[in-house]
Amino acid sequence: LKAARGGGAGFQPSDAMSRYLAYSEPGATQFDAGKVLNERPRRRLPVFLVGVEAEFRTYLRKGYYKGGSAVCCGGRFAAGQLWPNSISTITMTLAPGFCYFEYILPQVLPPPGDLQGSFLGASQSILGVVILISFTLASFVNPGIVPRSEGIPKEMSPNYLDMQNKPLPRFLRINGITVKQKFCMTCNIFRPPRSKHCSFCDNCVLRFDHHCTWLGNCVGLHNYRYFVCLIYSATLFLIECIYVTFCIFDQRTAASYGPQADFLDWITVVSQDATLVGFLMYCIFLVVAVLLLSVYHSVISLQNLTTNEHVKNYYKENPFDFGMMSNCTQIYCHPERVVAEGPDNVKADYDIHPSYSEDGSYDEFEGR
């Protein structure tokens, strides 16, 4: 696995995933003698289509992989906790969704209830398909599992080991800002920038955002965009569901009490259909959750932060923040880039640089 860590002939600095590993080579480079990778990482098609790079695929094949996820198709897909997490979410989504399209939505569509016969029906159908696809990709695409090493790298100098022969943390200079980089004793690697070891999936994950209980998988470099697409589309879909439900109640009120019906008449009609009221409450609960998530991830995307970094307040000064436009372009169009603009200046040292602040990032970057 030496090649996968960036120390062998198979490592190509321009490869999409390998660029992150260039910051994790075990032999530290002095700040004043760092290497500059001017060539941009090659843009690749989504990992579920073309698979991971050869170096990663070597580790992720059967017999070599040592993490806690179920990996298949050459590392294209990885499932964390299928039961009960993923399966229960699928059940709680598909069952109400089927009832909605079969019994609820047709009540407000033009006769004979054709989904494609109105904007509302067509938009709900499209959003439903987008939700199913984005949920599947977010749940089962490899989030960015980092290959493990079989032991502590031999390149490590004894001067940089502690009393228990564990590698000491070192410091990276990224965009002129110094951050601490710790060694993962489970994977035996220096964690790539923005990575974390997930205790649920037992993997170090590239650009780790969070472990999503509802998906049963980590959200990281390769599936973050699908996760964001999921919560955005779910927000729009649920808002329309709530609108449809209120339209049904309004139609029933007008049919029972005429155009002069008042609010009490409307409440009376609502109280007569407990199932539809339950569906409405279900939608309201979900839309509040996904709307808050949508707003939250919009904000941290503009700042080029992950959930993990934001919650733990990693950065006193964010080395990955290049402005809102560049941040969003990197996250959603060029996730293979470690930094949004400019070349990759790979600089590491075991001595604290004056630009490092103990209040800055990575002090809580423990994981496992």
Protein backbone atom coordinates (compact mmCIF):
# COMPACT_ATOMS: atom_id res chain seq x y z
CA LEU A 1 0.00 0.00 0.00
CA LYS A 2 3.00 2.27 -0.15
CA ALA A 3 1.90 3.55 -3.53
CA ALA A 4 -1.52 4.42 -2.18
CA ARG A 5 0.04 6.53 0.54
CA GLY A 6 2.02 8.53 -1.96
CA GLY A 7 5.41 6.85 -1.48
CA GLY A 8 5.54 4.54 -4.51
CA ALA A 9 5.80 4.70 -8.24
CA GLY A 10 2.06 4.38 -8.69
CA PHE A 11 1.39 7.72 -7.04
CA GLN A 12 0.51 10.48 -9.48
CA PRO A 13 0.29 13.97 -7.91
CA SER A 14 -2.30 14.97 -10.49
CA ASP A 15 -4.70 12.17 -9.54
CA ALA A 16 -7.87 13.38 -7.90
CA MET A 17 -7.83 11.41 -4.66
CA SER A 18 -4.06 11.09 -4.47
CA ARG A 19 -3.60 14.85 -4.24
CA TYR A 20 -4.94 14.73 -0.68
CA LEU A 21 -2.42 12.00 0.15
CA ALA A 22 0.45 14.18 -1.06
CA TYR A 23 0.01 16.08 2.21
CA SER A 24 0.36 12.86 4.23
CA GLU A 25 3.68 11.42 3.15
CA PRO A 26 5.47 10.12 6.24
CA GLY A 27 8.76 11.87 5.51
CA ALA A 28 8.14 15.45 6.70
CA THR A 29 9.30 18.26 4.46
CA GLN A 30 10.69 21.35 6.12
CA PHE A 31 8.57 24.51 5.80
CA ASP A 32 11.34 26.29 3.94
CA ALA A 33 11.93 23.35 1.56
CA GLY A 34 8.41 22.30 0.70
CA LYS A 35 7.40 20.97 -2.69
CA VAL A 36 4.99 22.77 -4.99
CA LEU A 37 2.52 20.81 -7.13
CA ASN A 38 1.62 23.29 -9.85
CA GLU A 39 -0.39 20.85 -11.96
CA ARG A 40 -4.05 20.75 -11.04
CA PRO A 41 -5.50 17.35 -10.12
CA ARG A 42 -7.11 15.73 -13.13
CA ARG A 43 -10.85 16.08 -13.09
CA ARG A 44 -12.54 12.69 -12.93
CA LEU A 45 -16.04 11.44 -13.53
CA PRO A 46 -18.01 10.46 -10.41
CA VAL A 47 -16.42 7.60 -8.53
CA PHE A 48 -19.50 5.39 -8.85
CA LEU A 49 -19.05 5.49 -12.64
CA VAL A 50 -15.28 5.18 -13.11
CA GLY A 51 -14.27 3.74 -9.76
CA VAL A 52 -11.45 4.81 -7.47
CA GLU A 53 -7.85 5.14 -8.56
CA ALA A 54 -5.77 1.99 -8.91
CA GLU A 55 -3.86 2.61 -5.66
CA PHE A 56 -7.10 2.86 -3.68
CA ARG A 57 -8.67 -0.08 -5.50
CA THR A 58 -5.78 -2.29 -4.36
CA TYR A 59 -6.67 -1.67 -0.72
CA LEU A 60 -10.44 -1.83 -1.17
CA ARG A 61 -10.52 -5.27 -2.76
CA LYS A 62 -11.63 -8.33 -0.79
CA GLY A 63 -8.99 -9.65 1.57
CA TYR A 64 -7.13 -6.35 1.93
CA TYR A 65 -9.76 -3.96 3.21
CA LYS A 66 -9.84 -3.75 7.01
CA GLY A 67 -12.51 -1.15 7.76
CA GLY A 68 -16.07 -1.61 9.00
CA SER A 69 -17.99 -0.86 5.80
CA ALA A 70 -19.19 -3.31 3.17
CA VAL A 71 -17.22 -2.39 0.03
CA CYS A 72 -17.98 -3.66 -3.48
CA CYS A 73 -17.51 -3.00 -7.21
CA GLY A 74 -13.85 -2.12 -6.93
CA GLY A 75 -14.41 0.49 -4.23
CA ARG A 76 -17.19 2.33 -6.05
CA PHE A 77 -19.71 1.59 -3.32
CA ALA A 78 -19.45 1.35 0.46
CA ALA A 79 -22.30 0.70 2.89
CA GLY A 80 -21.94 1.43 6.59
CA GLN A 81 -24.88 0.33 8.72
CA LEU A 82 -27.50 -1.18 6.38
CA TRP A 83 -29.56 -2.41 9.31
CA PRO A 84 -31.23 -0.71 10.98
CA ASN A 85 -30.07 2.69 9.66
CA SER A 86 -30.35 2.61 5.87
CA ILE A 87 -33.21 0.11 5.66
CA SER A 88 -35.35 1.92 8.25
CA THR A 89 -34.84 5.24 6.43
CA ILE A 90 -35.80 3.65 3.11
CA THR A 91 -38.94 2.16 4.68
CA MET A 92 -39.98 5.43 6.33
CA THR A 93 -39.47 7.22 3.00
CA LEU A 94 -40.93 4.82 0.43
CA ALA A 95 -44.08 3.84 2.33
CA PRO A 96 -45.43 7.40 2.84
CA GLY A 97 -44.18 8.35 -0.63
CA PHE A 98 -46.14 5.54 -2.29
CA CYS A 99 -49.32 6.51 -0.41
CA TYR A 100 -48.81 10.14 -1.38
CA PHE A 101 -48.48 9.49 -5.12
CA GLU A 102 -51.19 6.84 -5.16
CA TYR A 103 -53.92 8.39 -2.99
CA ILE A 104 -53.16 11.98 -1.93
CA LEU A 105 -51.64 13.86 -4.87
CA PRO A 106 -54.22 12.67 -7.48
CA GLN A 107 -56.96 14.40 -5.46
CA VAL A 108 -55.71 17.85 -6.54
CA LEU A 109 -54.66 16.99 -10.10
CA PRO A 110 -56.86 17.57 -13.14
CA PRO A 111 -58.96 14.52 -14.11
CA PRO A 112 -58.07 11.72 -14.45
CA GLY A 113 -55.24 12.44 -11.98
CA ASP A 114 -52.41 12.19 -14.52
CA LEU A 115 -49.09 13.17 -12.89
CA GLN A 116 -47.77 14.65 -16.13
CA GLY A 117 -50.92 16.66 -16.79
CA SER A 118 -50.00 19.60 -14.56
CA PHE A 119 -46.95 21.47 -13.31
CA LEU A 120 -47.56 20.26 -9.76
CA GLY A 121 -47.72 16.61 -10.78
CA ALA A 122 -44.70 16.84 -13.05
CA SER A 123 -42.58 18.73 -10.51
CA GLN A 124 -43.43 16.27 -7.74
CA SER A 125 -42.55 13.35 -10.01
CA ILE A 126 -39.20 14.89 -10.97
CA LEU A 127 -38.33 15.75 -7.36
CA GLY A 128 -39.29 12.25 -6.26
CA VAL A 129 -36.90 10.71 -8.78
CA VAL A 130 -34.12 13.15 -7.77
CA ILE A 131 -34.63 12.24 -4.10
CA LEU A 132 -34.42 8.50 -4.80
CA ILE A 133 -31.26 8.85 -6.89
CA SER A 134 -29.49 11.26 -4.53
CA PHE A 135 -30.42 9.16 -1.48
CA THR A 136 -29.05 6.02 -3.13
CA LEU A 137 -25.79 7.73 -4.11
CA ALA A 138 -25.34 9.47 -0.74
CA SER A 139 -25.97 6.20 1.11
CA PHE A 140 -23.92 3.78 -0.95
CA VAL A 141 -21.16 5.66 -2.83
CA ASN A 142 -17.70 5.32 -1.31
CA PRO A 143 -17.34 8.58 0.68
CA GLY A 144 -13.55 8.62 0.28
CA ILE A 145 -12.04 5.74 2.28
CA VAL A 146 -8.31 6.24 2.81
CA PRO A 147 -6.06 3.15 2.49
CA ARG A 148 -4.40 1.92 5.65
CA SER A 149 -0.75 1.08 6.16
CA GLU A 150 0.25 -2.25 7.66
CA GLY A 151 2.37 -0.55 10.29
CA ILE A 152 4.05 2.68 11.29
CA PRO A 153 5.98 3.87 8.20
CA LYS A 154 9.65 2.97 8.26
CA GLU A 155 10.43 6.44 6.96
CA MET A 156 9.53 7.83 10.38
CA SER A 157 12.60 9.08 12.24
CA PRO A 158 12.95 7.83 15.85
CA ASN A 159 13.29 11.49 16.82
CA TYR A 160 9.60 11.99 16.01
CA LEU A 161 8.22 9.08 18.06
CA ASP A 162 6.92 9.41 21.61
CA MET A 163 7.78 7.19 24.57
CA GLN A 164 5.36 4.54 23.29
CA ASN A 165 6.88 4.65 19.79
CA LYS A 166 3.82 6.41 18.43
CA PRO A 167 4.41 9.15 15.84
CA LEU A 168 4.15 12.66 17.16
CA PRO A 169 1.80 15.13 15.47
CA ARG A 170 3.31 17.43 12.91
CA PHE A 171 2.34 20.75 11.38
CA LEU A 172 1.17 21.60 7.87
CA ARG A 173 1.36 24.98 6.16
CA ILE A 174 -1.72 25.45 3.96
CA ASN A 175 -2.34 28.81 2.31
CA GLY A 176 0.10 30.44 4.72
CA ILE A 177 -1.72 29.07 7.80
CA THR A 178 -0.27 26.38 10.07
CA VAL A 179 -2.50 23.55 11.24
CA LYS A 180 -1.75 20.44 13.27
CA GLN A 181 -1.77 17.06 11.53
CA LYS A 182 -2.10 13.98 13.71
CA PHE A 183 -1.22 10.37 13.08
CA CYS A 184 -4.06 7.82 12.99
CA MET A 185 -2.97 4.82 15.02
CA THR A 186 -5.74 2.67 13.53
CA CYS A 187 -4.83 3.32 9.88
CA ASN A 188 -1.12 4.02 10.54
CA ILE A 189 -1.13 7.15 8.39
CA PHE A 190 -0.91 10.88 8.84
CA ARG A 191 -4.47 11.93 8.20
CA PRO A 192 -4.84 13.87 4.93
CA PRO A 193 -6.10 17.46 5.33
CA ARG A 194 -9.73 17.66 6.46
CA SER A 195 -9.92 13.89 7.01
CA LYS A 196 -11.13 12.08 10.10
CA HIS A 197 -11.35 8.51 11.34
CA CYS A 198 -15.02 7.56 11.71
CA SER A 199 -15.58 5.33 14.72
CA PHE A 200 -18.85 3.99 13.23
CA CYS A 201 -17.40 2.87 9.88
CA ASP A 202 -13.82 2.37 11.14
CA ASN A 203 -12.32 4.27 8.21
CA CYS A 204 -10.34 7.43 7.69
CA VAL A 205 -12.47 9.41 5.21
CA LEU A 206 -11.28 12.15 2.83
CA ARG A 207 -12.84 15.56 3.51
CA PHE A 208 -14.96 14.05 6.26
CA ASP A 209 -18.16 16.04 6.82
CA HIS A 210 -20.11 13.87 9.25
CA HIS A 211 -21.42 10.36 9.79
CA CYS A 212 -25.10 10.38 8.88
CA THR A 213 -27.17 7.97 10.95
CA TRP A 214 -30.10 8.16 8.53
CA LEU A 215 -27.92 7.21 5.56
CA GLY A 216 -25.91 4.67 7.53
CA ASN A 217 -22.77 6.02 5.89
CA CYS A 218 -20.17 8.75 6.20
CA VAL A 219 -20.59 11.91 4.15
CA GLY A 220 -17.24 12.82 2.66
CA LEU A 221 -15.38 13.85 -0.48
CA HIS A 222 -17.24 11.64 -2.96
CA ASN A 223 -20.84 11.76 -1.71
CA TYR A 224 -21.19 15.22 -0.14
CA ARG A 225 -22.71 16.69 -3.31
CA TYR A 226 -25.34 13.95 -3.42
CA PHE A 227 -26.17 14.58 0.23
CA VAL A 228 -26.68 18.30 -0.40
CA CYS A 229 -28.80 17.52 -3.47
CA LEU A 230 -30.87 15.18 -1.29
CA ILE A 231 -31.70 17.75 1.39
CA TYR A 232 -32.39 20.53 -1.14
CA SER A 233 -34.74 18.40 -3.25
CA ALA A 234 -36.42 16.94 -0.16
CA THR A 235 -37.10 20.46 1.12
CA LEU A 236 -38.84 21.46 -2.12
CA PHE A 237 -40.73 18.17 -2.32
CA LEU A 238 -42.04 18.41 1.24
CA ILE A 239 -43.12 22.04 0.81
CA GLU A 240 -45.21 20.95 -2.16
CA CYS A 241 -46.59 18.01 -0.15
CA ILE A 242 -47.78 20.41 2.55
CA TYR A 243 -49.30 22.67 -0.12
CA VAL A 244 -51.16 19.72 -1.66
CA THR A 245 -52.52 18.66 1.74
CA PHE A 246 -53.88 22.13 2.46
CA CYS A 247 -55.44 22.25 -1.02
CA ILE A 248 -57.30 19.00 -0.28
CA PHE A 249 -58.66 20.38 2.98
CA ASP A 250 -59.72 23.59 1.21
CA GLN A 251 -61.50 21.65 -1.52
CA ARG A 252 -63.35 19.51 0.99
CA THR A 253 -64.36 22.55 3.04
CA ALA A 254 -65.74 24.33 -0.03
CA ALA A 255 -67.62 21.21 -1.10
CA SER A 256 -69.20 20.74 2.35
CA TYR A 257 -69.89 24.33 3.44
CA GLY A 258 -69.78 26.38 0.25
CA PRO A 259 -67.81 29.56 -0.45
CA GLN A 260 -68.92 31.13 2.86
CA ALA A 261 -67.12 28.52 4.95
CA ASP A 262 -65.12 29.92 7.86
CA PHE A 263 -62.11 28.70 9.84
CA LEU A 264 -64.22 26.56 12.20
CA ASP A 265 -65.70 24.77 9.20
CA TRP A 266 -62.20 24.16 7.91
CA ILE A 267 -61.12 22.73 11.29
CA THR A 268 -64.16 20.45 11.27
CA VAL A 269 -63.20 19.07 7.87
CA VAL A 270 -59.60 18.58 8.96
CA SER A 271 -60.63 16.65 12.07
CA GLN A 272 -62.53 14.13 9.93
CA ASP A 273 -59.43 12.68 8.27
CA ALA A 274 -56.89 11.60 10.87
CA THR A 275 -54.73 9.86 8.27
CA LEU A 276 -54.25 12.99 6.20
CA VAL A 277 -53.58 15.03 9.36
CA GLY A 278 -50.92 12.49 10.36
CA PHE A 279 -49.34 12.78 6.92
CA LEU A 280 -49.35 16.57 7.23
CA MET A 281 -47.63 16.44 10.64
CA TYR A 282 -45.09 13.98 9.23
CA CYS A 283 -44.29 16.37 6.37
CA ILE A 284 -44.05 19.41 8.64
CA PHE A 285 -41.63 17.60 10.97
CA LEU A 286 -39.44 16.51 8.06
CA VAL A 287 -39.47 19.84 6.23
CA VAL A 288 -38.29 21.67 9.34
CA ALA A 289 -35.38 19.23 9.67
CA VAL A 290 -34.27 19.25 6.03
CA LEU A 291 -34.83 23.01 5.67
CA LEU A 292 -32.53 23.70 8.61
CA LEU A 293 -29.98 21.30 7.15
CA SER A 294 -30.23 23.02 3.77
CA VAL A 295 -29.63 26.45 5.28
CA TYR A 296 -26.79 25.14 7.45
CA HIS A 297 -24.94 23.43 4.60
CA SER A 298 -25.43 26.48 2.38
CA VAL A 299 -23.71 28.62 5.02
CA ILE A 300 -20.76 26.29 5.66
CA SER A 301 -20.29 25.75 1.90
CA LEU A 302 -19.91 29.49 1.42
CA GLN A 303 -17.22 29.40 4.12
CA ASN A 304 -15.63 26.18 2.76
CA LEU A 305 -16.08 24.33 6.03
CA THR A 306 -17.19 20.80 6.77
CA THR A 307 -19.70 20.03 9.50
CA ASN A 308 -16.92 18.42 11.52
CA GLU A 309 -14.71 21.51 11.23
CA HIS A 310 -17.53 23.93 11.99
CA VAL A 311 -18.90 22.08 15.02
CA LYS A 312 -15.46 21.63 16.57
CA ASN A 313 -14.38 25.16 15.61
CA TYR A 314 -11.14 23.88 14.06
CA TYR A 315 -9.90 27.09 12.53
CA LYS A 316 -9.15 30.43 14.04
CA GLU A 317 -8.35 31.35 10.43
CA ASN A 318 -9.64 28.99 7.74
CA PRO A 319 -6.84 28.05 5.28
CA PHE A 320 -9.38 26.71 2.75
CA ASP A 321 -11.50 29.87 2.49
CA PHE A 322 -10.95 31.64 -0.86
CA GLY A 323 -14.21 33.56 -1.05
CA MET A 324 -17.78 32.40 -1.52
CA MET A 325 -17.67 31.85 -5.29
CA SER A 326 -14.37 29.96 -5.29
CA ASN A 327 -15.44 27.91 -2.27
CA CYS A 328 -18.66 26.72 -3.89
CA THR A 329 -16.90 26.06 -7.19
CA GLN A 330 -14.38 23.83 -5.46
CA ILE A 331 -16.93 21.91 -3.37
CA TYR A 332 -19.53 21.27 -6.06
CA CYS A 333 -17.53 21.38 -9.32
CA HIS A 334 -13.93 20.50 -8.42
CA PRO A 335 -13.93 18.35 -5.25
CA GLU A 336 -10.63 16.80 -6.36
CA ARG A 337 -8.85 20.03 -5.38
CA VAL A 338 -7.43 20.36 -1.88
CA VAL A 339 -7.30 24.15 -2.12
CA ALA A 340 -9.70 26.16 -4.24
CA GLU A 341 -7.10 28.36 -5.94
CA GLY A 342 -3.41 28.25 -6.74
CA PRO A 343 -0.91 25.38 -6.57
CA ASP A 344 -0.60 22.88 -3.75
CA ASN A 345 2.31 23.94 -1.53
CA VAL A 346 3.04 20.80 0.46
CA LYS A 347 4.97 21.89 3.55
CA ALA A 348 5.24 19.99 6.81
CA ASP A 349 7.42 20.14 9.90
CA TYR A 350 7.55 18.73 13.40
CA ASP A 351 8.53 22.08 14.88
CA ILE A 352 5.79 24.60 15.62
CA HIS A 353 5.81 27.49 13.18
CA PRO A 354 5.16 31.03 14.53
CA SER A 355 1.95 31.19 12.48
CA TYR A 356 0.42 28.32 14.48
CA SER A 357 -2.07 29.24 17.18
CA GLU A 358 -2.97 26.79 19.93
CA ASP A 359 -6.53 28.09 19.55
CA GLY A 360 -6.49 27.08 15.88
CA SER A 361 -7.43 23.91 14.13
CA TYR A 362 -6.89 20.20 14.50
CA ASP A 363 -6.25 20.17 18.26
CA GLU A 364 -9.35 18.02 18.65
CA PHE A 365 -8.61 16.06 15.49
CA GLU A 366 -8.48 12.78 17.36
CA GLY A 367 -11.03 10.39 15.89
CA ARG A 368 -9.36 7.08 16.66
